[in-house]
N, C-alpha and C. Protein backbone atom coordinates (compact mmCIF):
# COMPACT_ATOMS: atom_id res chain seq x y z
N MET A 1 33.51 6.16 23.74
CA MET A 1 34.53 6.44 24.83
C MET A 1 33.70 6.68 25.93
N VAL A 2 34.24 5.89 27.04
CA VAL A 2 33.37 5.75 28.20
C VAL A 2 34.12 6.90 29.05
N SER A 3 33.23 8.01 29.71
CA SER A 3 33.73 8.80 30.57
C SER A 3 34.18 8.27 32.23
N PRO A 4 35.00 9.05 32.46
CA PRO A 4 35.26 8.77 34.23
C PRO A 4 33.97 8.59 34.86
N TYR A 5 32.91 9.44 34.55
CA TYR A 5 31.60 9.62 35.17
C TYR A 5 30.88 8.26 35.01
N ASP A 6 31.07 7.78 33.72
CA ASP A 6 30.06 6.39 33.55
C ASP A 6 30.73 5.33 34.25
N LYS A 7 31.85 5.26 34.18
CA LYS A 7 32.53 4.19 34.97
C LYS A 7 32.04 4.30 36.21
N GLU A 8 32.31 5.40 37.01
CA GLU A 8 31.87 5.70 38.36
C GLU A 8 30.68 5.21 38.90
N ALA A 9 29.44 5.62 37.83
CA ALA A 9 28.00 5.51 37.88
C ALA A 9 27.95 3.77 37.66
N GLU A 10 28.44 3.20 36.55
CA GLU A 10 28.63 1.60 36.96
C GLU A 10 29.07 0.92 38.00
N ARG A 11 30.24 1.75 38.30
CA ARG A 11 30.54 0.78 39.98
C ARG A 11 29.56 0.83 40.70
N LEU A 12 29.07 2.33 40.81
CA LEU A 12 28.05 2.32 42.15
C LEU A 12 26.77 1.55 42.00
N ALA A 13 26.73 1.22 40.55
CA ALA A 13 25.38 0.47 40.27
C ALA A 13 25.33 -0.67 40.76
N ALA A 14 26.66 -1.22 40.76
CA ALA A 14 26.93 -2.62 40.68
C ALA A 14 26.92 -2.91 42.20
N LEU A 15 27.21 -2.06 43.29
CA LEU A 15 27.11 -1.95 44.77
C LEU A 15 26.03 -2.50 45.11
N PRO A 16 25.67 -3.21 46.27
CA PRO A 16 24.42 -3.42 47.15
C PRO A 16 24.19 -2.28 47.61
N ARG A 17 22.70 -2.06 47.39
CA ARG A 17 22.35 -0.73 48.02
C ARG A 17 22.60 -0.15 49.38
N ALA A 18 23.06 -0.73 50.42
CA ALA A 18 23.68 -0.66 51.70
C ALA A 18 25.07 0.27 51.38
N GLU A 19 25.75 -0.52 50.43
CA GLU A 19 27.10 -0.18 50.31
C GLU A 19 27.12 1.12 49.44
N ARG A 20 26.24 1.53 48.68
CA ARG A 20 25.77 2.58 47.78
C ARG A 20 25.43 3.69 48.50
N PHE A 21 24.65 3.49 49.63
CA PHE A 21 24.36 4.61 50.08
C PHE A 21 25.49 5.02 51.34
N GLU A 22 26.28 4.18 51.80
CA GLU A 22 27.68 4.42 52.25
C GLU A 22 28.90 5.40 51.26
N GLU A 23 28.67 4.93 50.23
CA GLU A 23 29.58 5.90 49.26
C GLU A 23 29.09 7.12 49.12
N LEU A 24 27.71 7.36 48.91
CA LEU A 24 27.09 8.54 48.38
C LEU A 24 26.52 9.42 49.74
N ILE A 25 26.56 9.11 50.87
CA ILE A 25 25.89 9.68 52.17
C ILE A 25 26.83 9.84 52.94
N ASP A 26 27.05 10.98 53.81
CA ASP A 26 27.69 11.15 54.90
C ASP A 26 27.04 10.84 56.08
N PHE A 27 27.05 9.69 56.92
CA PHE A 27 26.55 9.25 57.97
C PHE A 27 27.37 9.71 59.12
N PRO A 28 26.51 9.80 60.46
CA PRO A 28 25.09 10.09 60.58
C PRO A 28 24.40 11.29 59.86
N VAL A 29 23.19 10.96 59.37
CA VAL A 29 22.26 12.09 58.68
C VAL A 29 20.65 11.77 59.04
N ASP A 30 20.22 12.91 58.66
CA ASP A 30 18.75 13.32 59.26
C ASP A 30 18.44 13.03 57.60
N HIS A 31 17.65 12.10 57.47
CA HIS A 31 17.15 11.65 56.18
C HIS A 31 15.51 11.64 56.25
N THR A 32 15.22 12.20 54.92
CA THR A 32 13.62 12.48 54.86
C THR A 32 12.99 11.64 53.98
N PHE A 33 12.07 10.83 54.32
CA PHE A 33 11.17 10.10 53.44
C PHE A 33 10.29 10.56 53.27
N LYS A 34 9.79 10.10 51.74
CA LYS A 34 8.20 10.40 51.68
C LYS A 34 7.53 9.16 50.93
N VAL A 35 6.51 8.73 51.59
CA VAL A 35 6.03 7.57 51.05
C VAL A 35 4.38 8.10 50.67
N ILE A 36 4.15 7.43 49.46
CA ILE A 36 2.98 7.90 48.62
C ILE A 36 2.36 6.59 48.27
N GLY A 37 0.84 6.70 48.29
CA GLY A 37 0.11 5.46 48.27
C GLY A 37 -1.26 5.49 48.29
N ARG A 38 -2.21 4.65 48.40
CA ARG A 38 -3.70 4.60 48.42
C ARG A 38 -3.73 5.14 49.78
N ARG A 39 -4.88 6.12 49.99
CA ARG A 39 -4.99 6.78 51.23
C ARG A 39 -5.43 5.91 52.39
N GLU A 40 -6.54 4.72 52.16
CA GLU A 40 -6.84 4.03 53.06
C GLU A 40 -5.80 3.17 53.70
N GLY A 41 -5.60 3.37 55.06
CA GLY A 41 -4.46 2.58 55.89
C GLY A 41 -3.14 2.77 55.56
N LEU A 42 -2.99 3.60 54.93
CA LEU A 42 -1.44 3.95 54.73
C LEU A 42 -0.69 4.58 55.97
N SER A 43 -1.10 5.59 56.64
CA SER A 43 -0.67 6.19 57.48
C SER A 43 -0.45 4.98 58.64
N GLU A 44 -1.36 4.38 59.09
CA GLU A 44 -1.58 3.25 60.22
C GLU A 44 0.01 2.07 59.54
N ALA A 45 -0.15 1.90 58.43
CA ALA A 45 0.85 0.88 58.46
C ALA A 45 2.29 1.43 58.19
N VAL A 46 2.66 2.66 57.94
CA VAL A 46 3.68 3.27 58.09
C VAL A 46 4.21 3.59 59.66
N GLN A 47 3.33 3.63 60.46
CA GLN A 47 3.24 3.75 61.85
C GLN A 47 3.85 2.58 62.29
N GLN A 48 3.02 1.53 62.17
CA GLN A 48 3.50 -0.02 62.54
C GLN A 48 4.58 -0.10 62.30
N ALA A 49 5.10 0.12 60.68
CA ALA A 49 6.29 -0.47 60.18
C ALA A 49 7.36 0.01 60.90
N LEU A 50 7.34 1.62 61.43
CA LEU A 50 8.49 2.28 61.87
C LEU A 50 8.45 1.73 63.45
N ALA A 51 7.36 1.47 64.06
CA ALA A 51 7.10 0.95 65.30
C ALA A 51 7.73 -0.26 65.28
N ALA A 52 7.73 -1.27 64.33
CA ALA A 52 8.64 -2.77 64.48
C ALA A 52 10.16 -2.50 64.30
N VAL A 53 10.45 -1.54 63.83
CA VAL A 53 12.04 -1.38 63.65
C VAL A 53 12.32 -0.25 64.72
N GLY A 54 11.90 0.03 65.59
CA GLY A 54 12.29 0.65 66.87
C GLY A 54 12.08 2.29 66.91
N ARG A 55 10.93 2.96 65.71
CA ARG A 55 10.81 4.34 65.72
C ARG A 55 9.42 4.67 65.67
N PRO A 56 9.01 4.04 67.07
CA PRO A 56 7.65 4.30 67.33
C PRO A 56 6.93 5.93 67.58
N ASP A 57 7.78 6.49 67.44
CA ASP A 57 6.93 7.90 67.98
C ASP A 57 7.31 9.03 66.53
N THR A 58 7.60 8.52 65.49
CA THR A 58 7.85 9.39 64.17
C THR A 58 6.60 10.23 63.86
N CYS A 59 6.92 11.34 63.76
CA CYS A 59 5.87 12.51 63.32
C CYS A 59 5.66 12.33 61.90
N LEU A 60 4.54 11.65 61.29
CA LEU A 60 3.96 12.05 59.89
C LEU A 60 3.34 13.33 59.47
N VAL A 61 3.77 14.13 58.34
CA VAL A 61 2.87 15.00 57.84
C VAL A 61 2.55 14.27 56.56
N GLU A 62 0.90 14.56 56.77
CA GLU A 62 0.02 13.81 55.50
C GLU A 62 -0.38 14.64 54.98
N ARG A 63 -0.60 14.47 53.44
CA ARG A 63 -0.89 15.36 52.47
C ARG A 63 -1.82 14.72 51.62
N PRO A 64 -3.23 15.01 51.43
CA PRO A 64 -4.00 14.02 50.64
C PRO A 64 -3.97 14.46 49.22
N SER A 65 -4.37 13.87 48.24
CA SER A 65 -4.46 14.18 46.88
C SER A 65 -5.81 14.88 46.63
N ALA A 66 -5.72 15.29 45.58
CA ALA A 66 -6.92 16.54 45.24
C ALA A 66 -8.03 15.81 45.13
N GLN A 67 -8.21 14.45 44.87
CA GLN A 67 -9.58 13.77 45.05
C GLN A 67 -9.59 12.94 46.10
N GLY A 68 -8.37 13.00 47.00
CA GLY A 68 -8.14 12.19 48.16
C GLY A 68 -8.27 10.58 48.18
N THR A 69 -7.79 10.31 46.93
CA THR A 69 -7.53 8.89 46.76
C THR A 69 -6.36 8.42 47.30
N TYR A 70 -5.61 9.08 47.17
CA TYR A 70 -3.98 9.03 47.74
C TYR A 70 -3.49 10.00 48.79
N VAL A 71 -2.27 9.78 49.25
CA VAL A 71 -1.66 10.56 50.41
C VAL A 71 -0.14 10.40 50.39
N SER A 72 0.41 11.51 50.56
CA SER A 72 1.76 11.48 50.89
C SER A 72 2.16 11.72 52.19
N LEU A 73 3.09 11.03 52.60
CA LEU A 73 3.43 10.91 53.83
C LEU A 73 4.89 11.36 54.01
N THR A 74 5.22 12.31 54.96
CA THR A 74 6.58 12.64 54.95
C THR A 74 7.13 12.62 56.33
N PHE A 75 8.58 12.05 56.43
CA PHE A 75 8.84 12.44 57.86
C PHE A 75 10.56 12.03 57.72
N THR A 76 11.33 12.62 58.60
CA THR A 76 12.61 12.55 59.08
C THR A 76 13.06 11.49 60.09
N LEU A 77 14.02 10.89 59.70
CA LEU A 77 14.49 10.09 60.43
C LEU A 77 16.03 9.97 60.70
N ALA A 78 16.80 10.11 62.19
CA ALA A 78 18.20 10.43 62.16
C ALA A 78 18.55 8.70 61.97
N VAL A 79 19.71 8.75 60.86
CA VAL A 79 19.90 7.34 60.23
C VAL A 79 21.82 7.21 60.39
N ALA A 80 22.11 6.23 60.96
CA ALA A 80 23.58 6.23 61.55
C ALA A 80 24.18 5.58 60.38
N SER A 81 23.71 4.60 59.32
CA SER A 81 24.62 4.18 58.47
C SER A 81 23.80 3.66 57.15
N GLY A 82 24.41 3.40 56.12
CA GLY A 82 24.13 2.73 54.92
C GLY A 82 23.19 1.67 54.87
N ARG A 83 23.67 0.69 56.35
CA ARG A 83 22.82 -0.42 56.27
C ARG A 83 21.45 -0.39 57.04
N GLU A 84 21.55 0.54 57.94
CA GLU A 84 20.41 1.09 58.65
C GLU A 84 19.40 1.71 57.45
N LEU A 85 20.01 2.76 56.79
CA LEU A 85 18.89 3.25 56.04
C LEU A 85 18.44 2.39 54.91
N ASP A 86 19.22 1.38 54.42
CA ASP A 86 18.88 0.18 53.40
C ASP A 86 17.63 -0.62 54.41
N GLY A 87 17.84 -0.96 55.37
CA GLY A 87 16.81 -1.51 56.59
C GLY A 87 15.59 -0.96 56.37
N LEU A 88 15.48 0.43 56.62
CA LEU A 88 14.21 1.22 56.51
C LEU A 88 13.58 1.36 55.22
N TYR A 89 14.53 1.41 54.21
CA TYR A 89 13.72 1.24 53.00
C TYR A 89 12.98 -0.12 52.81
N THR A 90 13.76 -1.30 53.07
CA THR A 90 13.21 -2.61 52.90
C THR A 90 12.02 -2.67 53.29
N VAL A 91 11.72 -2.15 54.91
CA VAL A 91 10.43 -2.09 55.46
C VAL A 91 9.61 -1.24 54.82
N LEU A 92 9.67 -0.23 54.46
CA LEU A 92 8.92 0.40 53.63
C LEU A 92 8.32 0.34 52.40
N GLU A 93 8.99 -0.33 51.71
CA GLU A 93 9.01 -0.93 50.35
C GLU A 93 7.79 -2.20 50.36
N ALA A 94 7.67 -2.69 51.52
CA ALA A 94 7.02 -3.76 51.60
C ALA A 94 5.33 -3.20 52.14
N LEU A 95 5.16 -1.98 52.33
CA LEU A 95 3.98 -1.66 52.52
C LEU A 95 2.99 -1.86 51.57
N PRO A 96 1.77 -2.20 52.10
CA PRO A 96 0.49 -2.69 51.40
C PRO A 96 0.06 -1.33 50.69
N GLY A 97 -0.38 -1.11 49.39
CA GLY A 97 -0.84 0.21 49.01
C GLY A 97 0.29 1.22 48.92
N LEU A 98 1.54 0.95 48.83
CA LEU A 98 2.75 1.86 48.16
C LEU A 98 2.59 2.21 46.98
N ALA A 99 2.68 3.31 46.36
CA ALA A 99 2.50 3.64 45.26
C ALA A 99 4.18 3.88 44.73
N PHE A 100 4.80 5.08 45.84
CA PHE A 100 5.97 5.50 45.42
C PHE A 100 6.69 5.88 47.04
N LEU A 101 8.02 5.36 46.88
CA LEU A 101 8.67 5.65 47.87
C LEU A 101 9.98 6.38 47.58
N LEU A 102 10.20 7.75 48.21
CA LEU A 102 11.56 8.65 47.81
C LEU A 102 12.18 8.80 49.13
């Protein structure tokens, strides 16, 4: 027997990502991003990507891995809609050296 929760999860999973965001998040919202990847050039790539979408002055909090090979970058942006959030994720997903995007 399929529970109502399973049905709702299936319905949400079938939606495009921007629509799924609209269903699950109350906008506008301050959304925290965490970008994890190779240390070399990641911070600059994130800054360039954010500048390209009109967010040039974003403050990144950088934390290197224990061996210094990887870095995590954390930042918060005001986001007005699911479409805008989807666009930000799309831009960040294309970064060279990206390992994880949360």
